[in-house]
Structures are given as structure tokens and as C-alpha cells.
Amino acid sequence: MLRFAAVLLEIWLLPLPAMAARYPSYGTLQTTKSDGVLNVVINNTYSTINLFDMHVQSDLANLIETLQANDTDVRVVVFSKSVLPLYDTGFPDMLFPVALLWNITQLPQATIAVVEGRTRGIGNEFLMSCDMRFASTSPLRGAMYLSRLIGRGLTFEYVLSSADVDARTAARVGWVNAAFDTSRELHQYVQALAARIALFPAAGIVATKTGINAVTRPSRDVLVQDAQNVIAALVPTPPVQDAFKRFLQVTRNQSIGPMELNYGAEVRRLFN
């Protein structure tokens, strides 16, 4: 299993330009550009809950390849989701997303994530890979990038307890930049911020990101080792497989239900 995972990792960590030709155009991404700001709305029509699956990840890989060309016409990228209810994933294959998330942190543009709806798993890690995050009343849960944002102790508290975190708490501890009461307030603030950042030269944005990333971002090697040696090694173990089977039983293999909607409270049912 680990040897197979290592081979896949070598393939999936190829530079994105070498891979993007395999994928279709941005079928799950709706994009609009104005005055240096590219708005990207994630709308996975392959999933009734806007799952952050390989359809979305492949389209993001294509988009990132284009953005990596350092087109100075785009200086800020704002990611948001469609009106579908969830922005989540179940048990993902973590190897390809490692490369995807790393390349998002490497983008020459400033990146902003708009958080509305439940965001967990690789969906949350995607948000963490963006430079800034702003939320409405949304529960979040994640791990990989989290400790650099909120510290070791709080990361252990939230990850080991498998608890959902509301947007206000997330803003207080630094998980997101700020939380807003309404969607309108959230989008107004983000668009104003994006427009302001887009006024400045692209070279200045790149230099700023390079300096901040150097002291705040996990190294690529750390992320690779986490995916290969921790996550890939843990998934086939009996306790994880038993929990997964129990999850399918409890949820009846349905995505929208009490377990998914209230995971922080319902997760204990998997281990009773």
C-alpha cells in the first residue's frame, strides 16, 4: 500500500503545467475578471452538495497553471462557492491535493477565500492554503495548515476532539481573518479588500507573499511526509476501516443528513 502510494505521489507531484493538459477546462469553476480581480465560484454540478472532489481539484489545477504564468492583469483571486449547501469532502485521496494546495500557496496573486457553508476535510485545507479567509456563520474543521495559523495547543484541541468550530470562534483564534453576520456584509468587505489590493503592482504582491510564506508556511517536504507517512499509512488500518464502515451505516451512505450537517456533535456515534 505504502509503495503504491509513493509511486502515485511521485506522479501527482509533477509540476502542474505537465499535468494540466490531461484535464478538461474549468467545468466546475465559474470565473469573472474585473480590474485585476478574478472571482472564482466553485460550483460542482457533479455533486448535489458541492463536493470538493477530483472534478473540482482537476479544474483548479488547470486554473492554477494559468495563474502561475504570473499574468499581471490578475493580482487578486477570490474563491467562493455556489449556493449549494455544503463545501466538504468525505475520505479523500490526499496525495494529489498535497500538490494542489502547495501550488495555491505559490501563486503570484493574493488569494482570498470566502467561507459560507460547512467546510471540512480537504475543503478546509483548500481554504487554509489561501492567503486570507473571511467567513459568515459557518462550521469549520481541518488540520494540515492549521497549526501555523492558530498555534499548536488550539490545533490539538480542535483536531483531537473532532469538533466543529463556528465562524466567530474561528475569527477570534485566527482561523479566519474575520466573521460577518450576513452574506452581503461578507461579500461587500471581501470585494472592497480585493479591489484595494489589486491597485498595487504585481511585483509588490509577489515579493510580499514570498517573504511571508518563508516564515509562516509548512515546507513542501513536511506536507508530502504528512500525506505519505501519516494519512496514507493510517487509512488502511483496522480502526479507520471500522470507523469508515460505521460511518456508512450511520449515514446510510447519504451525504445530507444529521451526521454530515452536525458532524461535530454526531461523530461520537462512530465510536460508541
C-alpha atoms as a PDB file:
ATOM      1  CA  MET A   1       0.000   0.000   0.000  1.00  0.00           C
ATOM      2  CA  LEU A   2       2.713   2.477   1.002  1.00  0.00           C
ATOM      3  CA  ARG A   3       4.845   1.615  -2.028  1.00  0.00           C
ATOM      4  CA  PHE A   4       1.849   2.167  -4.294  1.00  0.00           C
ATOM      5  CA  ALA A   5       1.129   5.466  -2.539  1.00  0.00           C
ATOM      6  CA  ALA A   6       4.733   6.543  -3.039  1.00  0.00           C
ATOM      7  CA  VAL A   7       4.506   5.896  -6.777  1.00  0.00           C
ATOM      8  CA  LEU A   8       1.289   7.890  -7.011  1.00  0.00           C
ATOM      9  CA  LEU A   9       2.858  10.686  -5.023  1.00  0.00           C
ATOM     10  CA  GLU A  10       5.774  10.931  -7.448  1.00  0.00           C
ATOM     11  CA  ILE A  11       3.326  11.210 -10.338  1.00  0.00           C
ATOM     12  CA  TRP A  12       0.968  13.682  -8.684  1.00  0.00           C
ATOM     13  CA  LEU A  13       3.736  15.980  -7.515  1.00  0.00           C
ATOM     14  CA  LEU A  14       4.833  16.687 -11.063  1.00  0.00           C
ATOM     15  CA  PRO A  15       4.691  20.400 -11.865  1.00  0.00           C
ATOM     16  CA  LEU A  16       1.116  21.321 -12.681  1.00  0.00           C
ATOM     17  CA  PRO A  17       1.875  22.517 -16.235  1.00  0.00           C
ATOM     18  CA  ALA A  18       2.904  18.945 -17.054  1.00  0.00           C
ATOM     19  CA  MET A  19      -0.404  17.610 -15.777  1.00  0.00           C
ATOM     20  CA  ALA A  20      -2.984  20.184 -16.687  1.00  0.00           C
ATOM     21  CA  ALA A  21      -3.266  19.088 -20.310  1.00  0.00           C
ATOM     22  CA  ARG A  22      -4.922  15.889 -19.082  1.00  0.00           C
ATOM     23  CA  TYR A  23      -7.838  17.755 -17.591  1.00  0.00           C
ATOM     24  CA  PRO A  24     -10.853  19.488 -19.125  1.00  0.00           C
ATOM     25  CA  SER A  25     -11.484  23.207 -18.895  1.00  0.00           C
ATOM     26  CA  TYR A  26     -12.955  24.811 -15.788  1.00  0.00           C
ATOM     27  CA  GLY A  27     -16.213  22.870 -15.793  1.00  0.00           C
ATOM     28  CA  THR A  28     -16.797  23.258 -12.050  1.00  0.00           C
ATOM     29  CA  LEU A  29     -15.445  26.805 -11.794  1.00  0.00           C
ATOM     30  CA  GLN A  30     -17.249  29.970 -12.838  1.00  0.00           C
ATOM     31  CA  THR A  31     -14.802  32.832 -13.370  1.00  0.00           C
ATOM     32  CA  THR A  32     -15.192  36.568 -13.895  1.00  0.00           C
ATOM     33  CA  LYS A  33     -12.398  39.152 -14.080  1.00  0.00           C
ATOM     34  CA  SER A  34     -12.584  42.877 -13.436  1.00  0.00           C
ATOM     35  CA  ASP A  35      -9.920  45.484 -12.614  1.00  0.00           C
ATOM     36  CA  GLY A  36      -7.260  42.991 -11.596  1.00  0.00           C
ATOM     37  CA  VAL A  37      -9.577  40.780  -9.515  1.00  0.00           C
ATOM     38  CA  LEU A  38     -10.507  37.271 -10.635  1.00  0.00           C
ATOM     39  CA  ASN A  39     -13.608  35.892  -8.905  1.00  0.00           C
ATOM     40  CA  VAL A  40     -13.806  32.092  -8.935  1.00  0.00           C
ATOM     41  CA  VAL A  41     -17.072  30.441  -7.871  1.00  0.00           C
ATOM     42  CA  ILE A  42     -16.846  26.707  -7.184  1.00  0.00           C
ATOM     43  CA  ASN A  43     -19.982  25.034  -8.496  1.00  0.00           C
ATOM     44  CA  ASN A  44     -19.587  21.264  -8.680  1.00  0.00           C
ATOM     45  CA  THR A  45     -22.577  20.183 -10.737  1.00  0.00           C
ATOM     46  CA  TYR A  46     -21.381  16.575 -10.462  1.00  0.00           C
ATOM     47  CA  SER A  47     -22.310  16.638  -6.777  1.00  0.00           C
ATOM     48  CA  THR A  48     -25.540  17.614  -5.041  1.00  0.00           C
ATOM     49  CA  ILE A  49     -23.538  19.019  -2.105  1.00  0.00           C
ATOM     50  CA  ASN A  50     -20.766  20.846  -3.997  1.00  0.00           C
ATOM     51  CA  LEU A  51     -18.229  18.198  -3.009  1.00  0.00           C
ATOM     52  CA  PHE A  52     -14.565  19.181  -3.229  1.00  0.00           C
ATOM     53  CA  ASP A  53     -13.814  16.105  -5.338  1.00  0.00           C
ATOM     54  CA  MET A  54     -11.456  15.313  -8.209  1.00  0.00           C
ATOM     55  CA  HIS A  55     -13.666  17.223 -10.660  1.00  0.00           C
ATOM     56  CA  VAL A  56     -13.066  20.415  -8.686  1.00  0.00           C
ATOM     57  CA  GLN A  57      -9.439  19.629  -7.957  1.00  0.00           C
ATOM     58  CA  SER A  58      -8.655  18.939 -11.615  1.00  0.00           C
ATOM     59  CA  ASP A  59     -10.270  22.189 -12.718  1.00  0.00           C
ATOM     60  CA  LEU A  60      -8.354  24.054 -10.030  1.00  0.00           C
ATOM     61  CA  ALA A  61      -5.137  22.503 -11.349  1.00  0.00           C
ATOM     62  CA  ASN A  62      -5.927  23.940 -14.777  1.00  0.00           C
ATOM     63  CA  LEU A  63      -6.722  27.345 -13.333  1.00  0.00           C
ATOM     64  CA  ILE A  64      -3.577  27.401 -11.219  1.00  0.00           C
ATOM     65  CA  GLU A  65      -1.442  26.609 -14.251  1.00  0.00           C
ATOM     66  CA  THR A  66      -2.820  29.710 -15.954  1.00  0.00           C
ATOM     67  CA  LEU A  67      -2.359  31.878 -12.874  1.00  0.00           C
ATOM     68  CA  GLN A  68       1.195  30.640 -12.354  1.00  0.00           C
ATOM     69  CA  ALA A  69       2.135  32.324 -15.621  1.00  0.00           C
ATOM     70  CA  ASN A  70       2.100  35.492 -13.489  1.00  0.00           C
ATOM     71  CA  ASP A  71      -0.363  37.372 -15.647  1.00  0.00           C
ATOM     72  CA  THR A  72      -0.141  40.870 -14.181  1.00  0.00           C
ATOM     73  CA  ASP A  73      -3.719  41.540 -15.285  1.00  0.00           C
ATOM     74  CA  VAL A  74      -4.801  39.376 -12.330  1.00  0.00           C
ATOM     75  CA  ARG A  75      -3.412  40.466  -8.989  1.00  0.00           C
ATOM     76  CA  VAL A  76      -6.077  39.068  -6.639  1.00  0.00           C
ATOM     77  CA  VAL A  77      -8.081  35.824  -6.800  1.00  0.00           C
ATOM     78  CA  VAL A  78     -11.269  35.479  -4.736  1.00  0.00           C
ATOM     79  CA  PHE A  79     -12.594  31.946  -4.240  1.00  0.00           C
ATOM     80  CA  SER A  80     -16.184  31.336  -3.173  1.00  0.00           C
ATOM     81  CA  LYS A  81     -18.815  28.651  -3.619  1.00  0.00           C
ATOM     82  CA  SER A  82     -22.186  28.481  -5.298  1.00  0.00           C
ATOM     83  CA  VAL A  83     -25.450  28.426  -3.348  1.00  0.00           C
ATOM     84  CA  LEU A  84     -25.302  24.651  -2.903  1.00  0.00           C
ATOM     85  CA  PRO A  85     -25.451  23.697   0.784  1.00  0.00           C
ATOM     86  CA  LEU A  86     -22.086  22.135   1.584  1.00  0.00           C
ATOM     87  CA  TYR A  87     -18.439  22.679   0.805  1.00  0.00           C
ATOM     88  CA  ASP A  88     -16.947  19.480   2.070  1.00  0.00           C
ATOM     89  CA  THR A  89     -15.405  16.127   1.314  1.00  0.00           C
ATOM     90  CA  GLY A  90     -15.513  12.693   2.835  1.00  0.00           C
ATOM     91  CA  PHE A  91     -12.480  10.378   2.797  1.00  0.00           C
ATOM     92  CA  PRO A  92     -10.256  11.961   0.125  1.00  0.00           C
ATOM     93  CA  ASP A  93      -7.147  10.598  -1.535  1.00  0.00           C
ATOM     94  CA  MET A  94      -4.681  13.048  -0.050  1.00  0.00           C
ATOM     95  CA  LEU A  95      -1.784  12.670  -2.474  1.00  0.00           C
ATOM     96  CA  PHE A  96      -2.942  14.804  -5.387  1.00  0.00           C
ATOM     97  CA  PRO A  97      -4.340  17.556  -3.123  1.00  0.00           C
ATOM     98  CA  VAL A  98      -0.919  17.956  -1.492  1.00  0.00           C
ATOM     99  CA  ALA A  99       0.484  19.210  -4.784  1.00  0.00           C
ATOM    100  CA  LEU A 100      -2.622  21.263  -5.479  1.00  0.00           C
ATOM    101  CA  LEU A 101      -2.617  23.038  -2.112  1.00  0.00           C
ATOM    102  CA  TRP A 102       1.100  23.735  -2.283  1.00  0.00           C
ATOM    103  CA  ASN A 103       0.732  25.339  -5.693  1.00  0.00           C
ATOM    104  CA  ILE A 104      -2.086  27.546  -4.424  1.00  0.00           C
ATOM    105  CA  THR A 105       0.252  28.920  -1.750  1.00  0.00           C
ATOM    106  CA  GLN A 106       2.814  29.546  -4.503  1.00  0.00           C
ATOM    107  CA  LEU A 107       0.521  31.638  -6.693  1.00  0.00           C
ATOM    108  CA  PRO A 108       1.879  35.104  -7.528  1.00  0.00           C
ATOM    109  CA  GLN A 109      -1.567  36.594  -6.893  1.00  0.00           C
ATOM    110  CA  ALA A 110      -3.067  37.371  -3.497  1.00  0.00           C
ATOM    111  CA  THR A 111      -5.738  34.761  -2.746  1.00  0.00           C
ATOM    112  CA  ILE A 112      -8.869  35.259  -0.650  1.00  0.00           C
ATOM    113  CA  ALA A 113     -11.349  32.547   0.363  1.00  0.00           C
ATOM    114  CA  VAL A 114     -14.980  33.365   1.112  1.00  0.00           C
ATOM    115  CA  VAL A 115     -16.317  30.811   3.602  1.00  0.00           C
ATOM    116  CA  GLU A 116     -20.045  30.124   3.548  1.00  0.00           C
ATOM    117  CA  GLY A 117     -21.491  26.774   4.493  1.00  0.00           C
ATOM    118  CA  ARG A 118     -19.854  23.808   6.190  1.00  0.00           C
ATOM    119  CA  THR A 119     -16.177  23.394   5.373  1.00  0.00           C
ATOM    120  CA  ARG A 120     -14.310  20.284   6.460  1.00  0.00           C
ATOM    121  CA  GLY A 121     -11.558  17.915   5.381  1.00  0.00           C
ATOM    122  CA  ILE A 122      -9.759  18.811   2.182  1.00  0.00           C
ATOM    123  CA  GLY A 123     -12.271  21.613   1.626  1.00  0.00           C
ATOM    124  CA  ASN A 124     -10.941  23.300   4.751  1.00  0.00           C
ATOM    125  CA  GLU A 125      -7.329  22.623   3.767  1.00  0.00           C
ATOM    126  CA  PHE A 126      -8.026  24.392   0.479  1.00  0.00           C
ATOM    127  CA  LEU A 127      -9.224  27.439   2.394  1.00  0.00           C
ATOM    128  CA  MET A 128      -6.151  27.295   4.630  1.00  0.00           C
ATOM    129  CA  SER A 129      -3.892  27.346   1.573  1.00  0.00           C
ATOM    130  CA  CYS A 130      -5.339  30.714   0.544  1.00  0.00           C
ATOM    131  CA  ASP A 131      -3.673  33.850   1.872  1.00  0.00           C
ATOM    132  CA  MET A 132      -6.789  35.184   3.624  1.00  0.00           C
ATOM    133  CA  ARG A 133     -10.167  33.791   4.705  1.00  0.00           C
ATOM    134  CA  PHE A 134     -13.397  35.592   5.586  1.00  0.00           C
ATOM    135  CA  ALA A 135     -16.497  33.798   6.831  1.00  0.00           C
ATOM    136  CA  SER A 136     -20.160  34.071   7.636  1.00  0.00           C
ATOM    137  CA  THR A 137     -21.718  31.753  10.225  1.00  0.00           C
ATOM    138  CA  SER A 138     -20.063  28.509   9.113  1.00  0.00           C
ATOM    139  CA  PRO A 139     -18.657  25.486  10.970  1.00  0.00           C
ATOM    140  CA  LEU A 140     -15.092  24.544  10.046  1.00  0.00           C
ATOM    141  CA  ARG A 141     -12.764  21.636  10.755  1.00  0.00           C
ATOM    142  CA  GLY A 142      -9.262  20.867   9.451  1.00  0.00           C
ATOM    143  CA  ALA A 143      -5.657  20.051  10.326  1.00  0.00           C
ATOM    144  CA  MET A 144      -2.750  20.283   7.871  1.00  0.00           C
ATOM    145  CA  TYR A 145      -2.166  24.044   7.682  1.00  0.00           C
ATOM    146  CA  LEU A 146      -3.982  24.896  10.881  1.00  0.00           C
ATOM    147  CA  SER A 147      -1.184  24.919  13.465  1.00  0.00           C
ATOM    148  CA  ARG A 148       0.668  27.719  11.669  1.00  0.00           C
ATOM    149  CA  LEU A 149      -2.467  29.852  11.964  1.00  0.00           C
ATOM    150  CA  ILE A 150      -3.823  29.209  15.455  1.00  0.00           C
ATOM    151  CA  GLY A 151      -0.955  27.524  17.304  1.00  0.00           C
ATOM    152  CA  ARG A 152      -0.143  24.019  18.460  1.00  0.00           C
ATOM    153  CA  GLY A 153      -2.398  23.855  21.508  1.00  0.00           C
ATOM    154  CA  LEU A 154      -5.611  25.006  19.838  1.00  0.00           C
ATOM    155  CA  THR A 155      -4.924  22.797  16.837  1.00  0.00           C
ATOM    156  CA  PHE A 156      -4.652  19.753  19.090  1.00  0.00           C
ATOM    157  CA  GLU A 157      -7.852  20.784  20.886  1.00  0.00           C
ATOM    158  CA  TYR A 158      -9.949  21.088  17.740  1.00  0.00           C
ATOM    159  CA  VAL A 159      -8.445  18.215  15.745  1.00  0.00           C
ATOM    160  CA  LEU A 160      -8.266  15.612  18.513  1.00  0.00           C
ATOM    161  CA  SER A 161     -11.804  16.432  19.680  1.00  0.00           C
ATOM    162  CA  SER A 162     -13.059  16.400  16.061  1.00  0.00           C
ATOM    163  CA  ALA A 163     -15.211  19.385  16.944  1.00  0.00           C
ATOM    164  CA  ASP A 164     -16.722  21.873  14.530  1.00  0.00           C
ATOM    165  CA  VAL A 165     -15.743  25.500  15.068  1.00  0.00           C
ATOM    166  CA  ASP A 166     -18.173  28.340  14.396  1.00  0.00           C
ATOM    167  CA  ALA A 167     -17.109  31.367  12.375  1.00  0.00           C
ATOM    168  CA  ARG A 168     -16.957  33.764  15.337  1.00  0.00           C
ATOM    169  CA  THR A 169     -14.653  31.452  17.265  1.00  0.00           C
ATOM    170  CA  ALA A 170     -12.593  30.868  14.133  1.00  0.00           C
ATOM    171  CA  ALA A 171     -12.113  34.621  13.739  1.00  0.00           C
ATOM    172  CA  ARG A 172     -11.191  35.043  17.404  1.00  0.00           C
ATOM    173  CA  VAL A 173      -8.412  32.443  17.253  1.00  0.00           C
ATOM    174  CA  GLY A 174      -7.130  33.403  13.793  1.00  0.00           C
ATOM    175  CA  TRP A 175      -8.535  30.506  11.761  1.00  0.00           C
ATOM    176  CA  VAL A 176     -10.229  33.113   9.554  1.00  0.00           C
ATOM    177  CA  ASN A 177      -9.475  36.824   9.283  1.00  0.00           C
ATOM    178  CA  ALA A 178     -12.970  37.991  10.202  1.00  0.00           C
ATOM    179  CA  ALA A 179     -16.549  36.742  10.541  1.00  0.00           C
ATOM    180  CA  PHE A 180     -19.666  38.554   9.339  1.00  0.00           C
ATOM    181  CA  ASP A 181     -23.313  38.276  10.304  1.00  0.00           C
ATOM    182  CA  THR A 182     -24.657  38.314   6.758  1.00  0.00           C
ATOM    183  CA  SER A 183     -23.549  37.110   3.357  1.00  0.00           C
ATOM    184  CA  ARG A 184     -23.978  40.624   1.977  1.00  0.00           C
ATOM    185  CA  GLU A 185     -21.599  42.132   4.529  1.00  0.00           C
ATOM    186  CA  LEU A 186     -19.110  39.355   3.885  1.00  0.00           C
ATOM    187  CA  HIS A 187     -19.033  39.803   0.117  1.00  0.00           C
ATOM    188  CA  GLN A 188     -19.001  43.597   0.291  1.00  0.00           C
ATOM    189  CA  TYR A 189     -15.964  43.571   2.547  1.00  0.00           C
ATOM    190  CA  VAL A 190     -14.073  40.976   0.513  1.00  0.00           C
ATOM    191  CA  GLN A 191     -14.699  42.718  -2.799  1.00  0.00           C
ATOM    192  CA  ALA A 192     -13.590  46.064  -1.364  1.00  0.00           C
ATOM    193  CA  LEU A 193     -10.434  44.480   0.051  1.00  0.00           C
ATOM    194  CA  ALA A 194      -9.666  42.695  -3.222  1.00  0.00           C
ATOM    195  CA  ALA A 195     -10.117  45.908  -5.199  1.00  0.00           C
ATOM    196  CA  ARG A 196      -7.754  47.754  -2.859  1.00  0.00           C
ATOM    197  CA  ILE A 197      -5.039  45.085  -3.083  1.00  0.00           C
ATOM    198  CA  ALA A 198      -5.392  44.992  -6.880  1.00  0.00           C
ATOM    199  CA  LEU A 199      -4.381  48.662  -7.036  1.00  0.00           C
ATOM    200  CA  PHE A 200      -0.796  47.780  -6.136  1.00  0.00           C
ATOM    201  CA  PRO A 201       1.899  46.478  -8.532  1.00  0.00           C
ATOM    202  CA  ALA A 202       2.022  42.731  -9.137  1.00  0.00           C
ATOM    203  CA  ALA A 203       5.722  42.625  -8.250  1.00  0.00           C
ATOM    204  CA  GLY A 204       4.978  44.041  -4.820  1.00  0.00           C
ATOM    205  CA  ILE A 205       2.326  41.400  -4.163  1.00  0.00           C
ATOM    206  CA  VAL A 206       4.720  38.624  -5.209  1.00  0.00           C
ATOM    207  CA  ALA A 207       7.518  39.952  -3.001  1.00  0.00           C
ATOM    208  CA  THR A 208       5.189  40.297  -0.017  1.00  0.00           C
ATOM    209  CA  LYS A 209       3.887  36.753  -0.406  1.00  0.00           C
ATOM    210  CA  THR A 210       7.389  35.349  -0.794  1.00  0.00           C
ATOM    211  CA  GLY A 211       8.549  36.944   2.438  1.00  0.00           C
ATOM    212  CA  ILE A 212       5.503  35.948   4.474  1.00  0.00           C
ATOM    213  CA  ASN A 213       5.426  32.397   3.094  1.00  0.00           C
ATOM    214  CA  ALA A 214       9.058  31.897   4.043  1.00  0.00           C
ATOM    215  CA  VAL A 215       8.272  32.146   7.752  1.00  0.00           C
ATOM    216  CA  THR A 216       4.639  31.019   8.031  1.00  0.00           C
ATOM    217  CA  ARG A 217       4.018  28.139   5.625  1.00  0.00           C
ATOM    218  CA  PRO A 218       4.804  24.436   6.147  1.00  0.00           C
ATOM    219  CA  SER A 219       7.547  23.230   3.842  1.00  0.00           C
ATOM    220  CA  ARG A 220       6.612  21.093   0.871  1.00  0.00           C
ATOM    221  CA  ASP A 221       8.569  18.179   2.362  1.00  0.00           C
ATOM    222  CA  VAL A 222       6.505  18.340   5.554  1.00  0.00           C
ATOM    223  CA  LEU A 223       3.249  18.219   3.596  1.00  0.00           C
ATOM    224  CA  VAL A 224       4.468  15.319   1.469  1.00  0.00           C
ATOM    225  CA  GLN A 225       5.579  13.346   4.519  1.00  0.00           C
ATOM    226  CA  ASP A 226       2.259  14.035   6.230  1.00  0.00           C
ATOM    227  CA  ALA A 227       0.304  12.709   3.256  1.00  0.00           C
ATOM    228  CA  GLN A 228       2.554   9.734   2.592  1.00  0.00           C
ATOM    229  CA  ASN A 229       3.668   8.594   6.036  1.00  0.00           C
ATOM    230  CA  VAL A 230       0.741   9.622   8.221  1.00  0.00           C
ATOM    231  CA  ILE A 231      -2.513   9.790   6.276  1.00  0.00           C
ATOM    232  CA  ALA A 232      -1.807   7.139   3.628  1.00  0.00           C
ATOM    233  CA  ALA A 233      -0.451   4.813   6.315  1.00  0.00           C
ATOM    234  CA  LEU A 234      -3.406   5.355   8.645  1.00  0.00           C
ATOM    235  CA  VAL A 235      -6.272   4.843   6.194  1.00  0.00           C
ATOM    236  CA  PRO A 236      -5.850   1.047   5.686  1.00  0.00           C
ATOM    237  CA  THR A 237      -5.589   0.276   9.421  1.00  0.00           C
ATOM    238  CA  PRO A 238      -8.444  -1.722  11.030  1.00  0.00           C
ATOM    239  CA  PRO A 239      -9.653   1.085  13.362  1.00  0.00           C
ATOM    240  CA  VAL A 240     -10.014   3.528  10.465  1.00  0.00           C
ATOM    241  CA  GLN A 241     -11.682   0.958   8.238  1.00  0.00           C
ATOM    242  CA  ASP A 242     -14.080   0.039  11.049  1.00  0.00           C
ATOM    243  CA  ALA A 243     -14.938   3.708  11.583  1.00  0.00           C
ATOM    244  CA  PHE A 244     -15.499   4.156   7.859  1.00  0.00           C
ATOM    245  CA  LYS A 245     -17.878   1.181   7.746  1.00  0.00           C
ATOM    246  CA  ARG A 246     -19.711   2.544  10.756  1.00  0.00           C
ATOM    247  CA  PHE A 247     -19.913   5.945   9.058  1.00  0.00           C
ATOM    248  CA  LEU A 248     -21.582   4.399   6.007  1.00  0.00           C
ATOM    249  CA  GLN A 249     -24.040   2.565   8.245  1.00  0.00           C
ATOM    250  CA  VAL A 250     -24.933   5.609  10.331  1.00  0.00           C
ATOM    251  CA  THR A 251     -25.326   7.885   7.311  1.00  0.00           C
ATOM    252  CA  ARG A 252     -26.904   5.188   5.117  1.00  0.00           C
ATOM    253  CA  ASN A 253     -24.328   6.350   2.589  1.00  0.00           C
ATOM    254  CA  GLN A 254     -26.184   9.658   2.227  1.00  0.00           C
ATOM    255  CA  SER A 255     -24.316  12.966   2.228  1.00  0.00           C
ATOM    256  CA  ILE A 256     -27.018  15.276   3.568  1.00  0.00           C
ATOM    257  CA  GLY A 257     -28.140  14.115   6.988  1.00  0.00           C
ATOM    258  CA  PRO A 258     -27.547  14.628  10.722  1.00  0.00           C
ATOM    259  CA  MET A 259     -24.029  13.161  10.615  1.00  0.00           C
ATOM    260  CA  GLU A 260     -22.812  15.487   7.876  1.00  0.00           C
ATOM    261  CA  LEU A 261     -24.781  18.546   8.918  1.00  0.00           C
ATOM    262  CA  ASN A 262     -23.794  18.263  12.597  1.00  0.00           C
ATOM    263  CA  TYR A 263     -20.585  16.267  12.402  1.00  0.00           C
ATOM    264  CA  GLY A 264     -19.008  17.775  15.494  1.00  0.00           C
ATOM    265  CA  ALA A 265     -21.873  16.502  17.649  1.00  0.00           C
ATOM    266  CA  GLU A 266     -22.653  13.309  15.742  1.00  0.00           C
ATOM    267  CA  VAL A 267     -19.117  11.927  15.319  1.00  0.00           C
ATOM    268  CA  ARG A 268     -19.235  10.210  18.722  1.00  0.00           C
ATOM    269  CA  ARG A 269     -21.790   7.789  17.308  1.00  0.00           C
ATOM    270  CA  LEU A 270     -18.990   6.211  15.275  1.00  0.00           C
ATOM    271  CA  PHE A 271     -17.136   5.147  18.406  1.00  0.00           C
ATOM    272  CA  ASN A 272     -19.859   4.289  20.932  1.00  0.00           C
END
